[in-house]
All heavy atoms as atom14 arrays in JSON, in Angstrom:
{
  "sequence": "KGPVPTLLYGYGGFEVPLLPGYAGVRGRLWLEKGNAYVQACIRG",
  "atom14_mask": [
    [1, 1, 1, 1, 1, 1, 1, 1, 1, 0, 0, 0, 0, 0],
    [1, 1, 1, 1, 0, 0, 0, 0, 0, 0, 0, 0, 0, 0],
    [1, 1, 1, 1, 1, 1, 1, 0, 0, 0, 0, 0, 0, 0],
    [1, 1, 1, 1, 1, 1, 1, 0, 0, 0, 0, 0, 0, 0],
    [1, 1, 1, 1, 1, 1, 1, 0, 0, 0, 0, 0, 0, 0],
    [1, 1, 1, 1, 1, 1, 1, 0, 0, 0, 0, 0, 0, 0],
    [1, 1, 1, 1, 1, 1, 1, 1, 0, 0, 0, 0, 0, 0],
    [1, 1, 1, 1, 1, 1, 1, 1, 0, 0, 0, 0, 0, 0],
    [1, 1, 1, 1, 1, 1, 1, 1, 1, 1, 1, 1, 0, 0],
    [1, 1, 1, 1, 0, 0, 0, 0, 0, 0, 0, 0, 0, 0],
    [1, 1, 1, 1, 1, 1, 1, 1, 1, 1, 1, 1, 0, 0],
    [1, 1, 1, 1, 0, 0, 0, 0, 0, 0, 0, 0, 0, 0],
    [1, 1, 1, 1, 0, 0, 0, 0, 0, 0, 0, 0, 0, 0],
    [1, 1, 1, 1, 1, 1, 1, 1, 1, 1, 1, 0, 0, 0],
    [1, 1, 1, 1, 1, 1, 1, 1, 1, 0, 0, 0, 0, 0],
    [1, 1, 1, 1, 1, 1, 1, 0, 0, 0, 0, 0, 0, 0],
    [1, 1, 1, 1, 1, 1, 1, 0, 0, 0, 0, 0, 0, 0],
    [1, 1, 1, 1, 1, 1, 1, 1, 0, 0, 0, 0, 0, 0],
    [1, 1, 1, 1, 1, 1, 1, 1, 0, 0, 0, 0, 0, 0],
    [1, 1, 1, 1, 1, 1, 1, 0, 0, 0, 0, 0, 0, 0],
    [1, 1, 1, 1, 0, 0, 0, 0, 0, 0, 0, 0, 0, 0],
    [1, 1, 1, 1, 1, 1, 1, 1, 1, 1, 1, 1, 0, 0],
    [1, 1, 1, 1, 1, 0, 0, 0, 0, 0, 0, 0, 0, 0],
    [1, 1, 1, 1, 0, 0, 0, 0, 0, 0, 0, 0, 0, 0],
    [1, 1, 1, 1, 1, 1, 1, 0, 0, 0, 0, 0, 0, 0],
    [1, 1, 1, 1, 1, 1, 1, 1, 1, 1, 1, 0, 0, 0],
    [1, 1, 1, 1, 0, 0, 0, 0, 0, 0, 0, 0, 0, 0],
    [1, 1, 1, 1, 1, 1, 1, 1, 1, 1, 1, 0, 0, 0],
    [1, 1, 1, 1, 1, 1, 1, 1, 0, 0, 0, 0, 0, 0],
    [1, 1, 1, 1, 1, 1, 1, 1, 1, 1, 1, 1, 1, 1],
    [1, 1, 1, 1, 1, 1, 1, 1, 0, 0, 0, 0, 0, 0],
    [1, 1, 1, 1, 1, 1, 1, 1, 1, 0, 0, 0, 0, 0],
    [1, 1, 1, 1, 1, 1, 1, 1, 1, 0, 0, 0, 0, 0],
    [1, 1, 1, 1, 0, 0, 0, 0, 0, 0, 0, 0, 0, 0],
    [1, 1, 1, 1, 1, 1, 1, 1, 0, 0, 0, 0, 0, 0],
    [1, 1, 1, 1, 1, 0, 0, 0, 0, 0, 0, 0, 0, 0],
    [1, 1, 1, 1, 1, 1, 1, 1, 1, 1, 1, 1, 0, 0],
    [1, 1, 1, 1, 1, 1, 1, 0, 0, 0, 0, 0, 0, 0],
    [1, 1, 1, 1, 1, 1, 1, 1, 1, 0, 0, 0, 0, 0],
    [1, 1, 1, 1, 1, 0, 0, 0, 0, 0, 0, 0, 0, 0],
    [1, 1, 1, 1, 1, 1, 0, 0, 0, 0, 0, 0, 0, 0],
    [1, 1, 1, 1, 1, 1, 1, 1, 0, 0, 0, 0, 0, 0],
    [1, 1, 1, 1, 1, 1, 1, 1, 1, 1, 1, 0, 0, 0],
    [1, 1, 1, 1, 0, 0, 0, 0, 0, 0, 0, 0, 0, 0]
  ],
  "atom14_positions": [
    [[109.38, 100.64, 89.33], [110.23, 101.3, 88.32], [111.17, 102.4, 88.96], [112.18, 102.74, 88.37], [109.34, 101.91, 87.28], [108.51, 100.98, 86.4], [109.47, 100.17, 85.47], [108.67, 99.35, 84.54], [108.0, 98.22, 85.15], [0.0, 0.0, 0.0], [0.0, 0.0, 0.0], [0.0, 0.0, 0.0], [0.0, 0.0, 0.0], [0.0, 0.0, 0.0]],
    [[110.8, 102.95, 90.02], [111.49, 104.02, 90.72], [111.29, 104.11, 92.11], [110.48, 103.29, 92.67], [0.0, 0.0, 0.0], [0.0, 0.0, 0.0], [0.0, 0.0, 0.0], [0.0, 0.0, 0.0], [0.0, 0.0, 0.0], [0.0, 0.0, 0.0], [0.0, 0.0, 0.0], [0.0, 0.0, 0.0], [0.0, 0.0, 0.0], [0.0, 0.0, 0.0]],
    [[111.87, 104.97, 92.82], [111.63, 105.15, 94.28], [110.22, 105.34, 94.69], [109.47, 106.1, 93.9], [112.41, 106.45, 94.67], [113.42, 106.58, 93.5], [112.77, 106.1, 92.26], [0.0, 0.0, 0.0], [0.0, 0.0, 0.0], [0.0, 0.0, 0.0], [0.0, 0.0, 0.0], [0.0, 0.0, 0.0], [0.0, 0.0, 0.0], [0.0, 0.0, 0.0]],
    [[109.73, 104.69, 95.79], [108.49, 104.79, 96.22], [108.43, 105.07, 97.73], [109.51, 104.9, 98.4], [107.69, 103.52, 96.0], [107.5, 103.21, 94.5], [108.3, 102.37, 96.68], [0.0, 0.0, 0.0], [0.0, 0.0, 0.0], [0.0, 0.0, 0.0], [0.0, 0.0, 0.0], [0.0, 0.0, 0.0], [0.0, 0.0, 0.0], [0.0, 0.0, 0.0]],
    [[107.31, 105.51, 98.35], [107.25, 105.7, 99.82], [107.59, 104.31, 100.45], [107.07, 103.32, 100.06], [105.8, 106.11, 100.09], [105.39, 106.8, 98.78], [106.15, 106.07, 97.72], [0.0, 0.0, 0.0], [0.0, 0.0, 0.0], [0.0, 0.0, 0.0], [0.0, 0.0, 0.0], [0.0, 0.0, 0.0], [0.0, 0.0, 0.0], [0.0, 0.0, 0.0]],
    [[108.47, 104.32, 101.41], [109.02, 103.07, 101.99], [108.92, 103.31, 103.49], [109.48, 104.16, 104.04], [110.48, 102.85, 101.48], [110.44, 102.63, 100.03], [111.01, 101.66, 102.13], [0.0, 0.0, 0.0], [0.0, 0.0, 0.0], [0.0, 0.0, 0.0], [0.0, 0.0, 0.0], [0.0, 0.0, 0.0], [0.0, 0.0, 0.0], [0.0, 0.0, 0.0]],
    [[108.4, 102.21, 104.19], [108.36, 102.13, 105.6], [109.52, 101.24, 106.03], [109.57, 100.06, 105.65], [107.1, 101.63, 106.1], [106.97, 101.35, 107.59], [107.24, 102.48, 108.42], [105.6, 100.78, 107.92], [0.0, 0.0, 0.0], [0.0, 0.0, 0.0], [0.0, 0.0, 0.0], [0.0, 0.0, 0.0], [0.0, 0.0, 0.0], [0.0, 0.0, 0.0]],
    [[110.48, 101.76, 106.88], [111.62, 101.01, 107.42], [111.38, 100.85, 108.86], [111.2, 101.76, 109.63], [112.89, 101.83, 107.22], [114.15, 101.35, 107.92], [114.51, 99.87, 107.62], [115.35, 102.28, 107.62], [0.0, 0.0, 0.0], [0.0, 0.0, 0.0], [0.0, 0.0, 0.0], [0.0, 0.0, 0.0], [0.0, 0.0, 0.0], [0.0, 0.0, 0.0]],
    [[111.33, 99.53, 109.28], [111.03, 99.21, 110.69], [112.3, 98.49, 111.27], [112.85, 97.68, 110.65], [109.87, 98.26, 110.67], [109.26, 97.92, 112.08], [108.35, 98.83, 112.69], [109.7, 96.79, 112.83], [107.91, 98.5, 113.96], [109.27, 96.56, 114.12], [108.38, 97.43, 114.67], [107.91, 97.22, 115.93], [0.0, 0.0, 0.0], [0.0, 0.0, 0.0]],
    [[112.48, 98.87, 112.64], [113.5, 98.22, 113.31], [113.33, 98.2, 114.81], [112.4, 98.73, 115.32], [0.0, 0.0, 0.0], [0.0, 0.0, 0.0], [0.0, 0.0, 0.0], [0.0, 0.0, 0.0], [0.0, 0.0, 0.0], [0.0, 0.0, 0.0], [0.0, 0.0, 0.0], [0.0, 0.0, 0.0], [0.0, 0.0, 0.0], [0.0, 0.0, 0.0]],
    [[114.17, 97.4, 115.48], [114.11, 97.24, 116.98], [115.47, 97.17, 117.56], [115.91, 98.2, 118.18], [113.29, 95.95, 117.39], [113.09, 95.85, 118.81], [112.02, 96.58, 119.48], [113.82, 94.99, 119.57], [111.95, 96.55, 120.82], [113.72, 94.9, 120.94], [112.65, 95.71, 121.61], [112.53, 95.63, 122.92], [0.0, 0.0, 0.0], [0.0, 0.0, 0.0]],
    [[116.23, 96.11, 117.48], [117.65, 96.12, 117.82], [117.89, 96.12, 119.25], [118.74, 96.96, 119.75], [0.0, 0.0, 0.0], [0.0, 0.0, 0.0], [0.0, 0.0, 0.0], [0.0, 0.0, 0.0], [0.0, 0.0, 0.0], [0.0, 0.0, 0.0], [0.0, 0.0, 0.0], [0.0, 0.0, 0.0], [0.0, 0.0, 0.0], [0.0, 0.0, 0.0]],
    [[117.27, 95.24, 120.1], [117.59, 95.23, 121.56], [117.12, 93.99, 122.24], [116.24, 93.21, 121.62], [0.0, 0.0, 0.0], [0.0, 0.0, 0.0], [0.0, 0.0, 0.0], [0.0, 0.0, 0.0], [0.0, 0.0, 0.0], [0.0, 0.0, 0.0], [0.0, 0.0, 0.0], [0.0, 0.0, 0.0], [0.0, 0.0, 0.0], [0.0, 0.0, 0.0]],
    [[117.6, 93.75, 123.35], [117.16, 92.74, 124.28], [117.11, 91.29, 123.74], [116.25, 90.48, 124.18], [115.7, 93.12, 124.82], [115.73, 94.31, 125.72], [115.56, 95.54, 125.12], [116.03, 94.25, 127.01], [115.5, 96.75, 125.87], [116.08, 95.41, 127.81], [115.77, 96.65, 127.3], [0.0, 0.0, 0.0], [0.0, 0.0, 0.0], [0.0, 0.0, 0.0]],
    [[117.97, 91.07, 122.74], [118.01, 89.69, 122.11], [116.69, 89.34, 121.35], [116.43, 88.28, 120.99], [118.29, 88.56, 123.08], [119.77, 88.48, 123.46], [120.03, 87.25, 124.3], [119.17, 86.76, 125.03], [121.14, 86.77, 124.27], [0.0, 0.0, 0.0], [0.0, 0.0, 0.0], [0.0, 0.0, 0.0], [0.0, 0.0, 0.0], [0.0, 0.0, 0.0]],
    [[115.84, 90.37, 121.07], [114.64, 90.08, 120.41], [114.81, 90.11, 118.89], [115.29, 91.1, 118.35], [113.52, 91.15, 120.75], [112.25, 90.9, 120.03], [113.23, 91.12, 122.28], [0.0, 0.0, 0.0], [0.0, 0.0, 0.0], [0.0, 0.0, 0.0], [0.0, 0.0, 0.0], [0.0, 0.0, 0.0], [0.0, 0.0, 0.0], [0.0, 0.0, 0.0]],
    [[114.46, 89.1, 118.2], [114.61, 89.07, 116.69], [113.46, 89.65, 115.98], [112.26, 89.54, 116.47], [114.78, 87.54, 116.43], [113.98, 86.89, 117.47], [114.03, 87.7, 118.71], [0.0, 0.0, 0.0], [0.0, 0.0, 0.0], [0.0, 0.0, 0.0], [0.0, 0.0, 0.0], [0.0, 0.0, 0.0], [0.0, 0.0, 0.0], [0.0, 0.0, 0.0]],
    [[113.63, 90.28, 114.89], [112.55, 90.61, 113.89], [112.48, 89.65, 112.86], [113.48, 89.47, 112.11], [112.74, 92.06, 113.47], [112.57, 93.24, 114.3], [112.73, 94.55, 113.58], [111.26, 93.25, 115.03], [0.0, 0.0, 0.0], [0.0, 0.0, 0.0], [0.0, 0.0, 0.0], [0.0, 0.0, 0.0], [0.0, 0.0, 0.0], [0.0, 0.0, 0.0]],
    [[111.38, 88.9, 112.71], [111.22, 87.79, 111.75], [110.2, 88.09, 110.73], [109.39, 88.92, 110.88], [110.79, 86.55, 112.47], [111.72, 86.21, 113.67], [111.15, 85.01, 114.52], [113.18, 85.81, 113.21], [0.0, 0.0, 0.0], [0.0, 0.0, 0.0], [0.0, 0.0, 0.0], [0.0, 0.0, 0.0], [0.0, 0.0, 0.0], [0.0, 0.0, 0.0]],
    [[110.28, 87.44, 109.59], [109.33, 87.67, 108.49], [107.92, 87.34, 109.07], [107.78, 86.33, 109.8], [109.68, 86.76, 107.36], [111.18, 86.49, 107.65], [111.35, 86.56, 109.16], [0.0, 0.0, 0.0], [0.0, 0.0, 0.0], [0.0, 0.0, 0.0], [0.0, 0.0, 0.0], [0.0, 0.0, 0.0], [0.0, 0.0, 0.0], [0.0, 0.0, 0.0]],
    [[106.9, 88.11, 108.66], [105.52, 87.79, 109.19], [104.5, 88.49, 108.3], [104.74, 89.62, 107.76], [0.0, 0.0, 0.0], [0.0, 0.0, 0.0], [0.0, 0.0, 0.0], [0.0, 0.0, 0.0], [0.0, 0.0, 0.0], [0.0, 0.0, 0.0], [0.0, 0.0, 0.0], [0.0, 0.0, 0.0], [0.0, 0.0, 0.0], [0.0, 0.0, 0.0]],
    [[103.4, 87.85, 108.1], [102.3, 88.32, 107.34], [101.43, 89.34, 108.1], [101.1, 89.04, 109.26], [101.43, 87.18, 106.91], [100.37, 87.54, 105.86], [100.63, 87.54, 104.56], [99.06, 87.82, 106.22], [99.58, 87.76, 103.57], [98.0, 88.04, 105.41], [98.42, 88.06, 104.03], [97.4, 88.26, 103.06], [0.0, 0.0, 0.0], [0.0, 0.0, 0.0]],
    [[101.23, 90.55, 107.59], [100.48, 91.5, 108.31], [99.4, 92.08, 107.33], [99.7, 92.79, 106.4], [101.34, 92.63, 108.79], [0.0, 0.0, 0.0], [0.0, 0.0, 0.0], [0.0, 0.0, 0.0], [0.0, 0.0, 0.0], [0.0, 0.0, 0.0], [0.0, 0.0, 0.0], [0.0, 0.0, 0.0], [0.0, 0.0, 0.0], [0.0, 0.0, 0.0]],
    [[98.18, 91.61, 107.5], [97.14, 91.99, 106.63], [96.84, 93.53, 106.57], [96.68, 94.12, 105.48], [0.0, 0.0, 0.0], [0.0, 0.0, 0.0], [0.0, 0.0, 0.0], [0.0, 0.0, 0.0], [0.0, 0.0, 0.0], [0.0, 0.0, 0.0], [0.0, 0.0, 0.0], [0.0, 0.0, 0.0], [0.0, 0.0, 0.0], [0.0, 0.0, 0.0]],
    [[96.96, 94.15, 107.72], [96.78, 95.61, 107.75], [97.82, 96.4, 107.0], [97.52, 97.24, 106.25], [96.7, 96.09, 109.15], [96.57, 97.56, 109.24], [95.49, 95.47, 109.96], [0.0, 0.0, 0.0], [0.0, 0.0, 0.0], [0.0, 0.0, 0.0], [0.0, 0.0, 0.0], [0.0, 0.0, 0.0], [0.0, 0.0, 0.0], [0.0, 0.0, 0.0]],
    [[99.06, 96.04, 107.2], [100.12, 96.57, 106.45], [100.0, 96.36, 104.98], [100.18, 97.24, 104.14], [101.5, 95.99, 106.88], [102.71, 96.59, 106.2], [103.99, 96.07, 106.88], [104.25, 94.71, 106.62], [104.59, 93.88, 107.54], [104.84, 94.26, 108.85], [104.8, 92.61, 107.33], [0.0, 0.0, 0.0], [0.0, 0.0, 0.0], [0.0, 0.0, 0.0]],
    [[99.58, 95.13, 104.55], [99.36, 94.77, 103.18], [98.33, 95.75, 102.61], [98.45, 96.23, 101.46], [0.0, 0.0, 0.0], [0.0, 0.0, 0.0], [0.0, 0.0, 0.0], [0.0, 0.0, 0.0], [0.0, 0.0, 0.0], [0.0, 0.0, 0.0], [0.0, 0.0, 0.0], [0.0, 0.0, 0.0], [0.0, 0.0, 0.0], [0.0, 0.0, 0.0]],
    [[97.16, 95.89, 103.22], [96.06, 96.62, 102.61], [96.28, 98.14, 102.7], [96.0, 98.85, 101.75], [94.79, 96.31, 103.47], [94.24, 95.01, 103.22], [93.4, 94.98, 101.82], [92.23, 95.68, 101.94], [91.04, 95.28, 102.54], [91.02, 94.01, 103.13], [89.99, 95.99, 102.63], [0.0, 0.0, 0.0], [0.0, 0.0, 0.0], [0.0, 0.0, 0.0]],
    [[96.79, 98.64, 103.83], [96.99, 100.05, 103.98], [98.21, 100.7, 103.48], [98.4, 101.85, 103.34], [96.83, 100.51, 105.45], [95.45, 100.18, 106.08], [95.43, 100.65, 107.49], [94.29, 100.68, 105.26], [0.0, 0.0, 0.0], [0.0, 0.0, 0.0], [0.0, 0.0, 0.0], [0.0, 0.0, 0.0], [0.0, 0.0, 0.0], [0.0, 0.0, 0.0]],
    [[99.2, 99.78, 103.13], [100.5, 100.29, 102.69], [100.94, 99.64, 101.32], [101.23, 100.33, 100.35], [101.59, 100.05, 103.73], [102.88, 100.77, 103.54], [104.13, 100.2, 103.25], [103.13, 102.14, 103.51], [105.05, 101.13, 103.1], [104.47, 102.36, 103.31], [102.3, 103.27, 103.75], [105.02, 103.65, 103.27], [102.82, 104.55, 103.62], [104.25, 104.71, 103.43]],
    [[101.12, 98.28, 101.4], [101.73, 97.66, 100.22], [100.86, 97.66, 99.0], [101.27, 97.87, 97.84], [102.0, 96.14, 100.52], [103.08, 95.99, 101.63], [103.15, 94.43, 102.03], [104.45, 96.46, 101.12], [0.0, 0.0, 0.0], [0.0, 0.0, 0.0], [0.0, 0.0, 0.0], [0.0, 0.0, 0.0], [0.0, 0.0, 0.0], [0.0, 0.0, 0.0]],
    [[99.49, 97.64, 99.16], [98.54, 97.67, 98.0], [98.58, 99.05, 97.34], [98.1, 99.2, 96.18], [97.13, 97.21, 98.47], [96.96, 95.74, 98.45], [95.47, 95.35, 98.58], [94.65, 96.3, 98.84], [95.12, 94.2, 98.41], [0.0, 0.0, 0.0], [0.0, 0.0, 0.0], [0.0, 0.0, 0.0], [0.0, 0.0, 0.0], [0.0, 0.0, 0.0]],
    [[99.07, 100.01, 98.02], [99.06, 101.38, 97.48], [100.41, 101.54, 96.62], [100.71, 102.66, 96.18], [99.04, 102.35, 98.55], [97.71, 102.52, 99.27], [97.65, 103.48, 100.38], [96.3, 103.9, 100.87], [95.45, 102.71, 101.4], [0.0, 0.0, 0.0], [0.0, 0.0, 0.0], [0.0, 0.0, 0.0], [0.0, 0.0, 0.0], [0.0, 0.0, 0.0]],
    [[101.16, 100.47, 96.38], [102.36, 100.59, 95.61], [103.58, 101.0, 96.54], [104.65, 101.18, 95.93], [0.0, 0.0, 0.0], [0.0, 0.0, 0.0], [0.0, 0.0, 0.0], [0.0, 0.0, 0.0], [0.0, 0.0, 0.0], [0.0, 0.0, 0.0], [0.0, 0.0, 0.0], [0.0, 0.0, 0.0], [0.0, 0.0, 0.0], [0.0, 0.0, 0.0]],
    [[103.41, 101.05, 97.83], [104.56, 101.34, 98.7], [105.39, 100.13, 99.01], [104.98, 99.01, 98.7], [104.02, 101.97, 100.05], [103.12, 103.11, 99.74], [103.42, 104.0, 98.85], [102.1, 103.32, 100.5], [0.0, 0.0, 0.0], [0.0, 0.0, 0.0], [0.0, 0.0, 0.0], [0.0, 0.0, 0.0], [0.0, 0.0, 0.0], [0.0, 0.0, 0.0]],
    [[106.6, 100.38, 99.61], [107.48, 99.31, 99.99], [107.66, 99.26, 101.49], [107.37, 100.17, 102.3], [108.87, 99.54, 99.36], [0.0, 0.0, 0.0], [0.0, 0.0, 0.0], [0.0, 0.0, 0.0], [0.0, 0.0, 0.0], [0.0, 0.0, 0.0], [0.0, 0.0, 0.0], [0.0, 0.0, 0.0], [0.0, 0.0, 0.0], [0.0, 0.0, 0.0]],
    [[107.98, 97.99, 102.06], [108.2, 97.79, 103.42], [109.6, 97.23, 103.56], [110.02, 96.27, 102.89], [107.2, 96.86, 104.06], [107.37, 96.47, 105.43], [107.26, 97.43, 106.5], [107.82, 95.19, 105.79], [107.48, 97.15, 107.8], [108.13, 94.89, 107.11], [107.95, 95.8, 108.18], [108.17, 95.42, 109.36], [0.0, 0.0, 0.0], [0.0, 0.0, 0.0]],
    [[110.42, 97.67, 104.56], [111.67, 97.24, 104.86], [111.8, 96.87, 106.34], [111.38, 97.7, 107.21], [112.81, 98.28, 104.44], [114.23, 97.74, 104.85], [112.76, 98.58, 103.0], [0.0, 0.0, 0.0], [0.0, 0.0, 0.0], [0.0, 0.0, 0.0], [0.0, 0.0, 0.0], [0.0, 0.0, 0.0], [0.0, 0.0, 0.0], [0.0, 0.0, 0.0]],
    [[112.36, 95.78, 106.6], [112.61, 95.25, 107.98], [114.05, 94.92, 108.21], [114.53, 94.11, 107.58], [111.77, 94.01, 108.24], [111.63, 93.61, 109.77], [110.57, 92.6, 110.02], [109.34, 93.03, 109.86], [110.86, 91.42, 110.16], [0.0, 0.0, 0.0], [0.0, 0.0, 0.0], [0.0, 0.0, 0.0], [0.0, 0.0, 0.0], [0.0, 0.0, 0.0]],
    [[114.67, 95.73, 109.11], [116.04, 95.68, 109.35], [116.44, 94.77, 110.51], [115.87, 94.89, 111.6], [116.58, 97.09, 109.52], [0.0, 0.0, 0.0], [0.0, 0.0, 0.0], [0.0, 0.0, 0.0], [0.0, 0.0, 0.0], [0.0, 0.0, 0.0], [0.0, 0.0, 0.0], [0.0, 0.0, 0.0], [0.0, 0.0, 0.0], [0.0, 0.0, 0.0]],
    [[117.43, 93.84, 110.32], [117.81, 92.94, 111.38], [119.14, 93.47, 111.95], [120.29, 92.81, 111.84], [118.03, 91.53, 110.73], [116.51, 90.79, 109.92], [0.0, 0.0, 0.0], [0.0, 0.0, 0.0], [0.0, 0.0, 0.0], [0.0, 0.0, 0.0], [0.0, 0.0, 0.0], [0.0, 0.0, 0.0], [0.0, 0.0, 0.0], [0.0, 0.0, 0.0]],
    [[119.07, 94.61, 112.69], [120.22, 95.2, 113.24], [120.74, 94.58, 114.44], [120.08, 93.81, 115.13], [119.95, 96.75, 113.43], [118.95, 96.91, 114.54], [119.43, 97.34, 112.13], [118.58, 98.36, 114.98], [0.0, 0.0, 0.0], [0.0, 0.0, 0.0], [0.0, 0.0, 0.0], [0.0, 0.0, 0.0], [0.0, 0.0, 0.0], [0.0, 0.0, 0.0]],
    [[122.01, 94.82, 114.82], [122.62, 94.29, 116.01], [121.86, 94.85, 117.32], [121.31, 95.95, 117.26], [124.1, 94.7, 116.04], [124.89, 93.84, 115.09], [126.35, 94.23, 115.02], [126.51, 95.48, 114.34], [127.65, 96.11, 114.09], [128.77, 95.56, 114.64], [127.72, 97.28, 113.51], [0.0, 0.0, 0.0], [0.0, 0.0, 0.0], [0.0, 0.0, 0.0]],
    [[122.0, 94.08, 118.36], [121.21, 94.35, 119.55], [119.99, 93.39, 119.6], [119.56, 93.0, 120.67], [0.0, 0.0, 0.0], [0.0, 0.0, 0.0], [0.0, 0.0, 0.0], [0.0, 0.0, 0.0], [0.0, 0.0, 0.0], [0.0, 0.0, 0.0], [0.0, 0.0, 0.0], [0.0, 0.0, 0.0], [0.0, 0.0, 0.0], [0.0, 0.0, 0.0]]
  ]
}
């Protein structure tokens, strides 16, 4: 409904891609608490 605590993750180097992936720890300790997760596919 409104803004929530949000974790933004990035890398952006060495031709390494950040891809979608299931992370149980992140789900339990972050997402289940109503928080959001953002993964940025930046240049580099």
